[in-house]
């Protein structure tokens, strides 16, 4: 009887060790995949103007969503106030970010114009 409980304990420990080894192998595999360098296309078909247009369109979409939620809340529809506030904050943040990017681009343009030749 003592021997069988001892054998059961040993078998349980061996199962735990095997389980831990499998988990460790899985973690090593995930780590190896994560450490592989990602390839980035060196040439891109998108131009600066396309990127700028896409960014502005995203800002417009965020602002429209915020306004739509606010108007729905004002009409008394079942819209949580927290959703309205978050949407308006996202809208404000997107606009402020766009404004800052515009200012940086204009400053860079002025710096280029003022460069001595």
PDB file of N, CA and C in Angstrom:
ATOM      1  N   UNK A   1       0.812  -1.180   0.000  1.00  0.00           N
ATOM      2  CA  UNK A   1       0.000   0.000   0.000  1.00  0.00           C
ATOM      3  C   UNK A   1       0.865   1.257   0.000  1.00  0.00           C
ATOM      4  N   UNK A   2       1.896   1.282   0.829  1.00  0.00           N
ATOM      5  CA  UNK A   2       2.807   2.421   0.852  1.00  0.00           C
ATOM      6  C   UNK A   2       3.515   2.525  -0.486  1.00  0.00           C
ATOM      7  N   UNK A   3       3.850   1.372  -1.026  1.00  0.00           N
ATOM      8  CA  UNK A   3       4.558   1.355  -2.301  1.00  0.00           C
ATOM      9  C   UNK A   3       3.681   1.926  -3.418  1.00  0.00           C
ATOM     10  N   UNK A   4       2.400   1.594  -3.446  1.00  0.00           N
ATOM     11  CA  UNK A   4       1.529   2.088  -4.513  1.00  0.00           C
ATOM     12  C   UNK A   4       1.307   3.594  -4.385  1.00  0.00           C
ATOM     13  N   UNK A   5       1.204   4.125  -3.161  1.00  0.00           N
ATOM     14  CA  UNK A   5       1.056   5.578  -3.020  1.00  0.00           C
ATOM     15  C   UNK A   5       2.345   6.279  -3.438  1.00  0.00           C
ATOM     16  N   UNK A   6       3.479   5.651  -3.139  1.00  0.00           N
ATOM     17  CA  UNK A   6       4.761   6.200  -3.572  1.00  0.00           C
ATOM     18  C   UNK A   6       4.846   6.207  -5.090  1.00  0.00           C
ATOM     19  N   UNK A   7       4.432   5.122  -5.720  1.00  0.00           N
ATOM     20  CA  UNK A   7       4.451   5.035  -7.183  1.00  0.00           C
ATOM     21  C   UNK A   7       3.504   6.061  -7.798  1.00  0.00           C
ATOM     22  N   UNK A   8       2.363   6.259  -7.164  1.00  0.00           N
ATOM     23  CA  UNK A   8       1.419   7.268  -7.657  1.00  0.00           C
ATOM     24  C   UNK A   8       2.014   8.677  -7.558  1.00  0.00           C
ATOM     25  N   UNK A   9       2.704   8.960  -6.467  1.00  0.00           N
ATOM     26  CA  UNK A   9       3.340  10.268  -6.294  1.00  0.00           C
ATOM     27  C   UNK A   9       4.421  10.485  -7.343  1.00  0.00           C
ATOM     28  N   UNK A  10       5.212   9.450  -7.577  1.00  0.00           N
ATOM     29  CA  UNK A  10       6.268   9.543  -8.580  1.00  0.00           C
ATOM     30  C   UNK A  10       5.659   9.738  -9.962  1.00  0.00           C
ATOM     31  N   UNK A  11       4.600   9.014 -10.255  1.00  0.00           N
ATOM     32  CA  UNK A  11       3.943   9.150 -11.561  1.00  0.00           C
ATOM     33  C   UNK A  11       3.368  10.552 -11.726  1.00  0.00           C
ATOM     34  N   UNK A  12       2.787  11.087 -10.656  1.00  0.00           N
ATOM     35  CA  UNK A  12       2.238  12.446 -10.725  1.00  0.00           C
ATOM     36  C   UNK A  12       3.347  13.466 -10.956  1.00  0.00           C
ATOM     37  N   UNK A  13       4.466  13.295 -10.268  1.00  0.00           N
ATOM     38  CA  UNK A  13       5.600  14.203 -10.464  1.00  0.00           C
ATOM     39  C   UNK A  13       6.147  14.112 -11.881  1.00  0.00           C
ATOM     40  N   UNK A  14       6.237  12.902 -12.407  1.00  0.00           N
ATOM     41  CA  UNK A  14       6.719  12.734 -13.777  1.00  0.00           C
ATOM     42  C   UNK A  14       5.770  13.400 -14.774  1.00  0.00           C
ATOM     43  N   UNK A  15       4.479  13.295 -14.536  1.00  0.00           N
ATOM     44  CA  UNK A  15       3.507  13.962 -15.408  1.00  0.00           C
ATOM     45  C   UNK A  15       3.656  15.478 -15.344  1.00  0.00           C
ATOM     46  N   UNK A  16       3.878  16.005 -14.146  1.00  0.00           N
ATOM     47  CA  UNK A  16       4.089  17.446 -14.007  1.00  0.00           C
ATOM     48  C   UNK A  16       5.353  17.887 -14.735  1.00  0.00           C
ATOM     49  N   UNK A  17       6.404  17.098 -14.604  1.00  0.00           N
ATOM     50  CA  UNK A  17       7.655  17.430 -15.291  1.00  0.00           C
ATOM     51  C   UNK A  17       7.446  17.424 -16.797  1.00  0.00           C
ATOM     52  N   UNK A  18       6.748  16.414 -17.307  1.00  0.00           N
ATOM     53  CA  UNK A  18       6.480  16.339 -18.741  1.00  0.00           C
ATOM     54  C   UNK A  18       5.644  17.529 -19.196  1.00  0.00           C
ATOM     55  N   UNK A  19       4.635  17.882 -18.411  1.00  0.00           N
ATOM     56  CA  UNK A  19       3.787  19.024 -18.745  1.00  0.00           C
ATOM     57  C   UNK A  19       4.599  20.319 -18.773  1.00  0.00           C
ATOM     58  N   UNK A  20       5.469  20.483 -17.788  1.00  0.00           N
ATOM     59  CA  UNK A  20       6.308  21.687 -17.748  1.00  0.00           C
ATOM     60  C   UNK A  20       7.283  21.734 -18.918  1.00  0.00           C
ATOM     61  N   UNK A  21       7.810  20.582 -19.301  1.00  0.00           N
ATOM     62  CA  UNK A  21       8.707  20.541 -20.461  1.00  0.00           C
ATOM     63  C   UNK A  21       7.974  20.950 -21.736  1.00  0.00           C
ATOM     64  N   UNK A  22       6.744  20.465 -21.897  1.00  0.00           N
ATOM     65  CA  UNK A  22       5.962  20.825 -23.085  1.00  0.00           C
ATOM     66  C   UNK A  22       5.673  22.321 -23.110  1.00  0.00           C
ATOM     67  N   UNK A  23       5.316  22.873 -21.950  1.00  0.00           N
ATOM     68  CA  UNK A  23       5.071  24.321 -21.882  1.00  0.00           C
ATOM     69  C   UNK A  23       6.338  25.104 -22.196  1.00  0.00           C
ATOM     70  N   UNK A  24       7.478  24.627 -21.682  1.00  0.00           N
ATOM     71  CA  UNK A  24       8.748  25.290 -21.945  1.00  0.00           C
ATOM     72  C   UNK A  24       9.091  25.237 -23.431  1.00  0.00           C
ATOM     73  N   UNK A  25       8.846  24.096 -24.068  1.00  0.00           N
ATOM     74  CA  UNK A  25       9.087  23.988 -25.509  1.00  0.00           C
ATOM     75  C   UNK A  25       8.195  24.947 -26.290  1.00  0.00           C
ATOM     76  N   UNK A  26       6.924  25.050 -25.876  1.00  0.00           N
ATOM     77  CA  UNK A  26       6.012  25.989 -26.538  1.00  0.00           C
ATOM     78  C   UNK A  26       6.493  27.428 -26.381  1.00  0.00           C
ATOM     79  N   UNK A  27       6.940  27.772 -25.178  1.00  0.00           N
ATOM     80  CA  UNK A  27       7.437  29.135 -24.937  1.00  0.00           C
ATOM     81  C   UNK A  27       8.694  29.418 -25.750  1.00  0.00           C
ATOM     82  N   UNK A  28       9.564  28.428 -25.855  1.00  0.00           N
ATOM     83  CA  UNK A  28      10.778  28.612 -26.663  1.00  0.00           C
ATOM     84  C   UNK A  28      10.427  28.822 -28.133  1.00  0.00           C
ATOM     85  N   UNK A  29       9.440  28.079 -28.614  1.00  0.00           N
ATOM     86  CA  UNK A  29       9.011  28.228 -29.999  1.00  0.00           C
ATOM     87  C   UNK A  29       8.425  29.618 -30.229  1.00  0.00           C
ATOM     88  N   UNK A  30       7.580  30.089 -29.302  1.00  0.00           N
ATOM     89  CA  UNK A  30       7.014  31.434 -29.418  1.00  0.00           C
ATOM     90  C   UNK A  30       8.103  32.497 -29.377  1.00  0.00           C
ATOM     91  N   UNK A  31       9.086  32.296 -28.497  1.00  0.00           N
ATOM     92  CA  UNK A  31      10.182  33.250 -28.384  1.00  0.00           C
ATOM     93  C   UNK A  31      11.002  33.284 -29.664  1.00  0.00           C
ATOM     94  N   UNK A  32      11.226  32.118 -30.262  1.00  0.00           N
ATOM     95  CA  UNK A  32      11.985  32.069 -31.511  1.00  0.00           C
ATOM     96  C   UNK A  32      11.231  32.781 -32.628  1.00  0.00           C
ATOM     97  N   UNK A  33       9.915  32.607 -32.670  1.00  0.00           N
ATOM     98  CA  UNK A  33       9.116  33.286 -33.693  1.00  0.00           C
ATOM     99  C   UNK A  33       9.122  34.790 -33.480  1.00  0.00           C
ATOM    100  N   UNK A  34       9.055  35.210 -32.224  1.00  0.00           N
ATOM    101  CA  UNK A  34       9.012  36.646 -31.922  1.00  0.00           C
ATOM    102  C   UNK A  34      10.342  37.321 -32.210  1.00  0.00           C
ATOM    103  N   UNK A  35      11.447  36.585 -32.083  1.00  0.00           N
ATOM    104  CA  UNK A  35      12.750  37.205 -32.284  1.00  0.00           C
ATOM    105  C   UNK A  35      13.181  37.233 -33.749  1.00  0.00           C
ATOM    106  N   UNK A  36      12.420  36.578 -34.628  1.00  0.00           N
ATOM    107  CA  UNK A  36      12.753  36.631 -36.049  1.00  0.00           C
ATOM    108  C   UNK A  36      12.508  38.042 -36.570  1.00  0.00           C
ATOM    109  N   UNK A  37      13.440  38.561 -37.359  1.00  0.00           N
ATOM    110  CA  UNK A  37      13.229  39.918 -37.880  1.00  0.00           C
ATOM    111  C   UNK A  37      12.073  39.937 -38.872  1.00  0.00           C
ATOM    112  N   UNK A  38      11.313  40.988 -38.817  1.00  0.00           N
ATOM    113  CA  UNK A  38      10.216  41.133 -39.763  1.00  0.00           C
ATOM    114  C   UNK A  38      10.727  41.858 -40.993  1.00  0.00           C
ATOM    115  N   UNK A  39      10.246  41.452 -42.104  1.00  0.00           N
ATOM    116  CA  UNK A  39      10.665  42.040 -43.370  1.00  0.00           C
ATOM    117  C   UNK A  39       9.748  43.200 -43.719  1.00  0.00           C
ATOM    118  N   UNK A  40      10.340  44.281 -44.105  1.00  0.00           N
ATOM    119  CA  UNK A  40       9.589  45.454 -44.527  1.00  0.00           C
ATOM    120  C   UNK A  40       9.967  45.731 -45.971  1.00  0.00           C
ATOM    121  N   UNK A  41       8.960  45.988 -46.783  1.00  0.00           N
ATOM    122  CA  UNK A  41       9.250  46.310 -48.169  1.00  0.00           C
ATOM    123  C   UNK A  41      10.073  47.587 -48.223  1.00  0.00           C
ATOM    124  N   UNK A  42      11.186  47.518 -48.921  1.00  0.00           N
ATOM    125  CA  UNK A  42      12.044  48.690 -49.005  1.00  0.00           C
ATOM    126  C   UNK A  42      11.460  49.736 -49.936  1.00  0.00           C
ATOM    127  N   UNK A  43      10.701  49.304 -50.912  1.00  0.00           N
ATOM    128  CA  UNK A  43      10.067  50.258 -51.806  1.00  0.00           C
ATOM    129  C   UNK A  43       8.583  50.279 -51.502  1.00  0.00           C
ATOM    130  N   UNK A  44       8.041  51.449 -51.494  1.00  0.00           N
ATOM    131  CA  UNK A  44       6.628  51.600 -51.192  1.00  0.00           C
ATOM    132  C   UNK A  44       5.962  52.309 -52.350  1.00  0.00           C
ATOM    133  N   UNK A  45       4.771  51.840 -52.695  1.00  0.00           N
ATOM    134  CA  UNK A  45       4.052  52.442 -53.806  1.00  0.00           C
ATOM    135  C   UNK A  45       3.204  53.630 -53.371  1.00  0.00           C
ATOM    136  N   UNK A  46       3.095  53.855 -52.067  1.00  0.00           N
ATOM    137  CA  UNK A  46       2.281  54.965 -51.594  1.00  0.00           C
ATOM    138  C   UNK A  46       3.118  56.228 -51.514  1.00  0.00           C
ATOM    139  N   UNK A  47       2.527  57.309 -51.932  1.00  0.00           N
ATOM    140  CA  UNK A  47       3.231  58.583 -51.884  1.00  0.00           C
ATOM    141  C   UNK A  47       2.864  59.317 -50.601  1.00  0.00           C
ATOM    142  N   UNK A  48       3.590  60.386 -50.341  1.00  0.00           N
ATOM    143  CA  UNK A  48       3.324  61.188 -49.152  1.00  0.00           C
ATOM    144  C   UNK A  48       1.914  61.758 -49.197  1.00  0.00           C
ATOM    145  N   UNK A  49       1.499  62.191 -50.372  1.00  0.00           N
ATOM    146  CA  UNK A  49       0.161  62.784 -50.472  1.00  0.00           C
ATOM    147  C   UNK A  49      -0.923  61.751 -50.168  1.00  0.00           C
ATOM    148  N   UNK A  50      -0.716  60.500 -50.582  1.00  0.00           N
ATOM    149  CA  UNK A  50      -1.695  59.453 -50.278  1.00  0.00           C
ATOM    150  C   UNK A  50      -1.756  59.180 -48.780  1.00  0.00           C
ATOM    151  N   UNK A  51      -0.593  59.141 -48.147  1.00  0.00           N
ATOM    152  CA  UNK A  51      -0.551  58.913 -46.703  1.00  0.00           C
ATOM    153  C   UNK A  51      -1.242  60.061 -45.976  1.00  0.00           C
ATOM    154  N   UNK A  52      -0.981  61.290 -46.414  1.00  0.00           N
ATOM    155  CA  UNK A  52      -1.610  62.456 -45.788  1.00  0.00           C
ATOM    156  C   UNK A  52      -3.125  62.426 -45.986  1.00  0.00           C
ATOM    157  N   UNK A  53      -3.563  62.084 -47.193  1.00  0.00           N
ATOM    158  CA  UNK A  53      -5.006  62.011 -47.449  1.00  0.00           C
ATOM    159  C   UNK A  53      -5.665  60.946 -46.582  1.00  0.00           C
ATOM    160  N   UNK A  54      -5.023  59.782 -46.478  1.00  0.00           N
ATOM    161  CA  UNK A  54      -5.577  58.707 -45.651  1.00  0.00           C
ATOM    162  C   UNK A  54      -5.664  59.125 -44.186  1.00  0.00           C
ATOM    163  N   UNK A  55      -4.627  59.797 -43.702  1.00  0.00           N
ATOM    164  CA  UNK A  55      -4.636  60.250 -42.309  1.00  0.00           C
ATOM    165  C   UNK A  55      -5.743  61.269 -42.080  1.00  0.00           C
ATOM    166  N   UNK A  56      -5.893  62.206 -43.004  1.00  0.00           N
ATOM    167  CA  UNK A  56      -6.953  63.206 -42.864  1.00  0.00           C
ATOM    168  C   UNK A  56      -8.338  62.567 -42.941  1.00  0.00           C
ATOM    169  N   UNK A  57      -8.494  61.583 -43.811  1.00  0.00           N
ATOM    170  CA  UNK A  57      -9.781  60.884 -43.897  1.00  0.00           C
ATOM    171  C   UNK A  57     -10.109  60.151 -42.595  1.00  0.00           C
ATOM    172  N   UNK A  58      -9.085  59.582 -41.953  1.00  0.00           N
ATOM    173  CA  UNK A  58      -9.306  58.915 -40.674  1.00  0.00           C
ATOM    174  C   UNK A  58      -9.719  59.922 -39.602  1.00  0.00           C
ATOM    175  N   UNK A  59      -9.087  61.092 -39.603  1.00  0.00           N
ATOM    176  CA  UNK A  59      -9.448  62.136 -38.637  1.00  0.00           C
ATOM    177  C   UNK A  59     -10.883  62.590 -38.872  1.00  0.00           C
ATOM    178  N   UNK A  60     -11.240  62.766 -40.126  1.00  0.00           N
ATOM    179  CA  UNK A  60     -12.611  63.175 -40.454  1.00  0.00           C
ATOM    180  C   UNK A  60     -13.607  62.117 -39.979  1.00  0.00           C
ATOM    181  N   UNK A  61     -13.277  60.843 -40.186  1.00  0.00           N
ATOM    182  CA  UNK A  61     -14.174  59.765 -39.761  1.00  0.00           C
ATOM    183  C   UNK A  61     -14.346  59.759 -38.241  1.00  0.00           C
ATOM    184  N   UNK A  62     -13.265  59.986 -37.515  1.00  0.00           N
ATOM    185  CA  UNK A  62     -13.343  60.026 -36.051  1.00  0.00           C
ATOM    186  C   UNK A  62     -14.204  61.197 -35.600  1.00  0.00           C
ATOM    187  N   UNK A  63     -14.031  62.350 -36.254  1.00  0.00           N
ATOM    188  CA  UNK A  63     -14.831  63.519 -35.893  1.00  0.00           C
ATOM    189  C   UNK A  63     -16.309  63.300 -36.213  1.00  0.00           C
ATOM    190  N   UNK A  64     -16.597  62.704 -37.355  1.00  0.00           N
ATOM    191  CA  UNK A  64     -17.991  62.443 -37.722  1.00  0.00           C
ATOM    192  C   UNK A  64     -18.647  61.468 -36.751  1.00  0.00           C
ATOM    193  N   UNK A  65     -17.886  60.463 -36.318  1.00  0.00           N
ATOM    194  CA  UNK A  65     -18.429  59.504 -35.360  1.00  0.00           C
ATOM    195  C   UNK A  65     -18.745  60.202 -34.038  1.00  0.00           C
ATOM    196  N   UNK A  66     -17.839  61.064 -33.599  1.00  0.00           N
ATOM    197  CA  UNK A  66     -18.076  61.800 -32.358  1.00  0.00           C
ATOM    198  C   UNK A  66     -19.300  62.689 -32.447  1.00  0.00           C
ATOM    199  N   UNK A  67     -19.441  63.383 -33.574  1.00  0.00           N
ATOM    200  CA  UNK A  67     -20.603  64.256 -33.750  1.00  0.00           C
ATOM    201  C   UNK A  67     -21.895  63.445 -33.822  1.00  0.00           C
ATOM    202  N   UNK A  68     -21.843  62.302 -34.498  1.00  0.00           N
ATOM    203  CA  UNK A  68     -23.044  61.467 -34.618  1.00  0.00           C
ATOM    204  C   UNK A  68     -23.482  60.941 -33.251  1.00  0.00           C
ATOM    205  N   UNK A  69     -22.525  60.514 -32.435  1.00  0.00           N
ATOM    206  CA  UNK A  69     -22.875  60.036 -31.100  1.00  0.00           C
ATOM    207  C   UNK A  69     -23.437  61.165 -30.239  1.00  0.00           C
ATOM    208  N   UNK A  70     -22.836  62.347 -30.345  1.00  0.00           N
ATOM    209  CA  UNK A  70     -23.325  63.484 -29.563  1.00  0.00           C
ATOM    210  C   UNK A  70     -24.749  63.853 -29.974  1.00  0.00           C
ATOM    211  N   UNK A  71     -24.988  63.884 -31.287  1.00  0.00           N
ATOM    212  CA  UNK A  71     -26.330  64.221 -31.772  1.00  0.00           C
ATOM    213  C   UNK A  71     -27.351  63.165 -31.352  1.00  0.00           C
ATOM    214  N   UNK A  72     -26.942  61.897 -31.379  1.00  0.00           N
ATOM    215  CA  UNK A  72     -27.849  60.828 -30.948  1.00  0.00           C
ATOM    216  C   UNK A  72     -28.168  60.974 -29.463  1.00  0.00           C
ATOM    217  N   UNK A  73     -27.175  61.325 -28.680  1.00  0.00           N
ATOM    218  CA  UNK A  73     -27.405  61.533 -27.245  1.00  0.00           C
ATOM    219  C   UNK A  73     -28.325  62.728 -27.018  1.00  0.00           C
ATOM    220  N   UNK A  74     -28.109  63.798 -27.791  1.00  0.00           N
ATOM    221  CA  UNK A  74     -28.950  64.993 -27.666  1.00  0.00           C
ATOM    222  C   UNK A  74     -30.408  64.698 -28.028  1.00  0.00           C
ATOM    223  N   UNK A  75     -30.621  63.801 -28.979  1.00  0.00           N
ATOM    224  CA  UNK A  75     -31.983  63.437 -29.383  1.00  0.00           C
ATOM    225  C   UNK A  75     -32.655  62.522 -28.371  1.00  0.00           C
ATOM    226  N   UNK A  76     -31.901  62.035 -27.402  1.00  0.00           N
ATOM    227  CA  UNK A  76     -32.477  61.174 -26.373  1.00  0.00           C
ATOM    228  C   UNK A  76     -32.383  59.700 -26.681  1.00  0.00           C
ATOM    229  N   UNK A  77     -31.604  59.334 -27.677  1.00  0.00           N
ATOM    230  CA  UNK A  77     -31.443  57.918 -27.999  1.00  0.00           C
ATOM    231  C   UNK A  77     -30.657  57.226 -26.891  1.00  0.00           C
ATOM    232  N   UNK A  78     -30.708  55.913 -26.901  1.00  0.00           N
ATOM    233  CA  UNK A  78     -30.048  55.121 -25.858  1.00  0.00           C
ATOM    234  C   UNK A  78     -28.553  55.003 -26.163  1.00  0.00           C
ATOM    235  N   UNK A  79     -27.830  56.084 -25.887  1.00  0.00           N
ATOM    236  CA  UNK A  79     -26.384  56.122 -26.094  1.00  0.00           C
ATOM    237  C   UNK A  79     -25.751  56.461 -24.749  1.00  0.00           C
ATOM    238  N   UNK A  80     -24.835  55.620 -24.259  1.00  0.00           N
ATOM    239  CA  UNK A  80     -24.205  55.924 -22.972  1.00  0.00           C
ATOM    240  C   UNK A  80     -23.388  57.220 -23.045  1.00  0.00           C
ATOM    241  N   UNK A  81     -23.479  58.000 -21.997  1.00  0.00           N
ATOM    242  CA  UNK A  81     -22.748  59.260 -21.944  1.00  0.00           C
ATOM    243  C   UNK A  81     -21.245  59.028 -22.030  1.00  0.00           C
ATOM    244  N   UNK A  82     -20.774  57.929 -21.450  1.00  0.00           N
ATOM    245  CA  UNK A  82     -19.340  57.643 -21.502  1.00  0.00           C
ATOM    246  C   UNK A  82     -18.874  57.436 -22.937  1.00  0.00           C
ATOM    247  N   UNK A  83     -19.695  56.803 -23.754  1.00  0.00           N
ATOM    248  CA  UNK A  83     -19.333  56.609 -25.165  1.00  0.00           C
ATOM    249  C   UNK A  83     -19.249  57.940 -25.890  1.00  0.00           C
ATOM    250  N   UNK A  84     -20.165  58.830 -25.570  1.00  0.00           N
ATOM    251  CA  UNK A  84     -20.166  60.152 -26.203  1.00  0.00           C
ATOM    252  C   UNK A  84     -18.918  60.924 -25.802  1.00  0.00           C
ATOM    253  N   UNK A  85     -18.604  60.913 -24.509  1.00  0.00           N
ATOM    254  CA  UNK A  85     -17.436  61.652 -24.023  1.00  0.00           C
ATOM    255  C   UNK A  85     -16.159  61.082 -24.628  1.00  0.00           C
ATOM    256  N   UNK A  86     -16.037  59.755 -24.665  1.00  0.00           N
ATOM    257  CA  UNK A  86     -14.837  59.145 -25.246  1.00  0.00           C
ATOM    258  C   UNK A  86     -14.704  59.473 -26.728  1.00  0.00           C
ATOM    259  N   UNK A  87     -15.800  59.421 -27.450  1.00  0.00           N
ATOM    260  CA  UNK A  87     -15.755  59.730 -28.881  1.00  0.00           C
ATOM    261  C   UNK A  87     -15.360  61.186 -29.104  1.00  0.00           C
ATOM    262  N   UNK A  88     -15.877  62.083 -28.278  1.00  0.00           N
ATOM    263  CA  UNK A  88     -15.525  63.497 -28.422  1.00  0.00           C
ATOM    264  C   UNK A  88     -14.057  63.737 -28.063  1.00  0.00           C
ATOM    265  N   UNK A  89     -13.550  63.035 -27.066  1.00  0.00           N
ATOM    266  CA  UNK A  89     -12.138  63.168 -26.704  1.00  0.00           C
ATOM    267  C   UNK A  89     -11.244  62.625 -27.815  1.00  0.00           C
ATOM    268  N   UNK A  90     -11.633  61.505 -28.406  1.00  0.00           N
ATOM    269  CA  UNK A  90     -10.863  60.968 -29.541  1.00  0.00           C
ATOM    270  C   UNK A  90     -10.861  61.964 -30.692  1.00  0.00           C
ATOM    271  N   UNK A  91     -12.006  62.564 -30.934  1.00  0.00           N
ATOM    272  CA  UNK A  91     -12.124  63.558 -31.997  1.00  0.00           C
ATOM    273  C   UNK A  91     -11.211  64.740 -31.733  1.00  0.00           C
ATOM    274  N   UNK A  92     -11.230  65.222 -30.512  1.00  0.00           N
ATOM    275  CA  UNK A  92     -10.392  66.361 -30.140  1.00  0.00           C
ATOM    276  C   UNK A  92      -8.911  66.014 -30.256  1.00  0.00           C
ATOM    277  N   UNK A  93      -8.545  64.838 -29.784  1.00  0.00           N
ATOM    278  CA  UNK A  93      -7.149  64.412 -29.852  1.00  0.00           C
ATOM    279  C   UNK A  93      -6.690  64.253 -31.300  1.00  0.00           C
ATOM    280  N   UNK A  94      -7.536  63.690 -32.139  1.00  0.00           N
ATOM    281  CA  UNK A  94      -7.188  63.523 -33.553  1.00  0.00           C
ATOM    282  C   UNK A  94      -6.989  64.877 -34.218  1.00  0.00           C
ATOM    283  N   UNK A  95      -7.867  65.833 -33.909  1.00  0.00           N
ATOM    284  CA  UNK A  95      -7.742  67.162 -34.495  1.00  0.00           C
ATOM    285  C   UNK A  95      -6.471  67.851 -34.012  1.00  0.00           C
ATOM    286  N   UNK A  96      -6.194  67.788 -32.715  1.00  0.00           N
ATOM    287  CA  UNK A  96      -4.986  68.419 -32.169  1.00  0.00           C
ATOM    288  C   UNK A  96      -3.728  67.788 -32.767  1.00  0.00           C
ATOM    289  N   UNK A  97      -3.729  66.479 -32.942  1.00  0.00           N
ATOM    290  CA  UNK A  97      -2.572  65.806 -33.551  1.00  0.00           C
ATOM    291  C   UNK A  97      -2.376  66.266 -34.987  1.00  0.00           C
ATOM    292  N   UNK A  98      -3.471  66.375 -35.720  1.00  0.00           N
ATOM    293  CA  UNK A  98      -3.396  66.851 -37.103  1.00  0.00           C
ATOM    294  C   UNK A  98      -2.862  68.272 -37.149  1.00  0.00           C
ATOM    295  N   UNK A  99      -3.313  69.097 -36.236  1.00  0.00           N
ATOM    296  CA  UNK A  99      -2.850  70.480 -36.170  1.00  0.00           C
ATOM    297  C   UNK A  99      -1.351  70.540 -35.879  1.00  0.00           C
ATOM    298  N   UNK A 100      -0.870  69.704 -34.981  1.00  0.00           N
ATOM    299  CA  UNK A 100       0.555  69.683 -34.658  1.00  0.00           C
ATOM    300  C   UNK A 100       1.390  69.202 -35.846  1.00  0.00           C
ATOM    301  N   UNK A 101       0.895  68.193 -36.550  1.00  0.00           N
ATOM    302  CA  UNK A 101       1.617  67.715 -37.737  1.00  0.00           C
ATOM    303  C   UNK A 101       1.678  68.815 -38.784  1.00  0.00           C
ATOM    304  N   UNK A 102       0.561  69.511 -38.983  1.00  0.00           N
ATOM    305  CA  UNK A 102       0.541  70.619 -39.941  1.00  0.00           C
ATOM    306  C   UNK A 102       1.563  71.679 -39.559  1.00  0.00           C
ATOM    307  N   UNK A 103       1.623  72.029 -38.279  1.00  0.00           N
ATOM    308  CA  UNK A 103       2.579  73.036 -37.826  1.00  0.00           C
ATOM    309  C   UNK A 103       4.017  72.587 -38.064  1.00  0.00           C
ATOM    310  N   UNK A 104       4.309  71.331 -37.809  1.00  0.00           N
ATOM    311  CA  UNK A 104       5.668  70.814 -38.028  1.00  0.00           C
ATOM    312  C   UNK A 104       6.028  70.823 -39.511  1.00  0.00           C
ATOM    313  N   UNK A 105       5.075  70.453 -40.355  1.00  0.00           N
ATOM    314  CA  UNK A 105       5.333  70.449 -41.802  1.00  0.00           C
ATOM    315  C   UNK A 105       5.580  71.868 -42.294  1.00  0.00           C
ATOM    316  N   UNK A 106       4.771  72.818 -41.839  1.00  0.00           N
ATOM    317  CA  UNK A 106       4.974  74.212 -42.246  1.00  0.00           C
ATOM    318  C   UNK A 106       6.309  74.749 -41.757  1.00  0.00           C
ATOM    319  N   UNK A 107       6.691  74.403 -40.537  1.00  0.00           N
ATOM    320  CA  UNK A 107       7.982  74.847 -39.998  1.00  0.00           C
ATOM    321  C   UNK A 107       9.122  74.264 -40.825  1.00  0.00           C
ATOM    322  N   UNK A 108       9.025  72.998 -41.182  1.00  0.00           N
ATOM    323  CA  UNK A 108      10.068  72.379 -42.005  1.00  0.00           C
ATOM    324  C   UNK A 108      10.130  73.041 -43.372  1.00  0.00           C
ATOM    325  N   UNK A 109       8.981  73.358 -43.947  1.00  0.00           N
ATOM    326  CA  UNK A 109       8.935  74.031 -45.245  1.00  0.00           C
ATOM    327  C   UNK A 109       9.588  75.405 -45.155  1.00  0.00           C
ATOM    328  N   UNK A 110       9.288  76.151 -44.101  1.00  0.00           N
ATOM    329  CA  UNK A 110       9.905  77.470 -43.921  1.00  0.00           C
ATOM    330  C   UNK A 110      11.411  77.352 -43.737  1.00  0.00           C
ATOM    331  N   UNK A 111      11.847  76.344 -42.989  1.00  0.00           N
ATOM    332  CA  UNK A 111      13.284  76.135 -42.796  1.00  0.00           C
ATOM    333  C   UNK A 111      13.975  75.836 -44.119  1.00  0.00           C
ATOM    334  N   UNK A 112      13.332  75.049 -44.964  1.00  0.00           N
ATOM    335  CA  UNK A 112      13.915  74.735 -46.273  1.00  0.00           C
ATOM    336  C   UNK A 112      13.982  75.986 -47.133  1.00  0.00           C
ATOM    337  N   UNK A 113      12.924  76.795 -47.105  1.00  0.00           N
ATOM    338  CA  UNK A 113      12.922  78.031 -47.894  1.00  0.00           C
ATOM    339  C   UNK A 113      13.999  79.002 -47.437  1.00  0.00           C
ATOM    340  N   UNK A 114      14.303  79.021 -46.163  1.00  0.00           N
ATOM    341  CA  UNK A 114      15.281  79.963 -45.617  1.00  0.00           C
ATOM    342  C   UNK A 114      16.708  79.441 -45.648  1.00  0.00           C
ATOM    343  N   UNK A 115      16.914  78.267 -46.193  1.00  0.00           N
ATOM    344  CA  UNK A 115      18.276  77.721 -46.274  1.00  0.00           C
ATOM    345  C   UNK A 115      19.093  78.502 -47.286  1.00  0.00           C
ATOM    346  N   UNK A 116      20.334  78.809 -46.915  1.00  0.00           N
ATOM    347  CA  UNK A 116      21.189  79.473 -47.908  1.00  0.00           C
ATOM    348  C   UNK A 116      21.640  78.470 -48.971  1.00  0.00           C
ATOM    349  N   UNK A 117      21.785  78.974 -50.172  1.00  0.00           N
ATOM    350  CA  UNK A 117      22.195  78.092 -51.267  1.00  0.00           C
ATOM    351  C   UNK A 117      23.670  78.189 -51.494  1.00  0.00           C
TER     352      UNK A 117
END
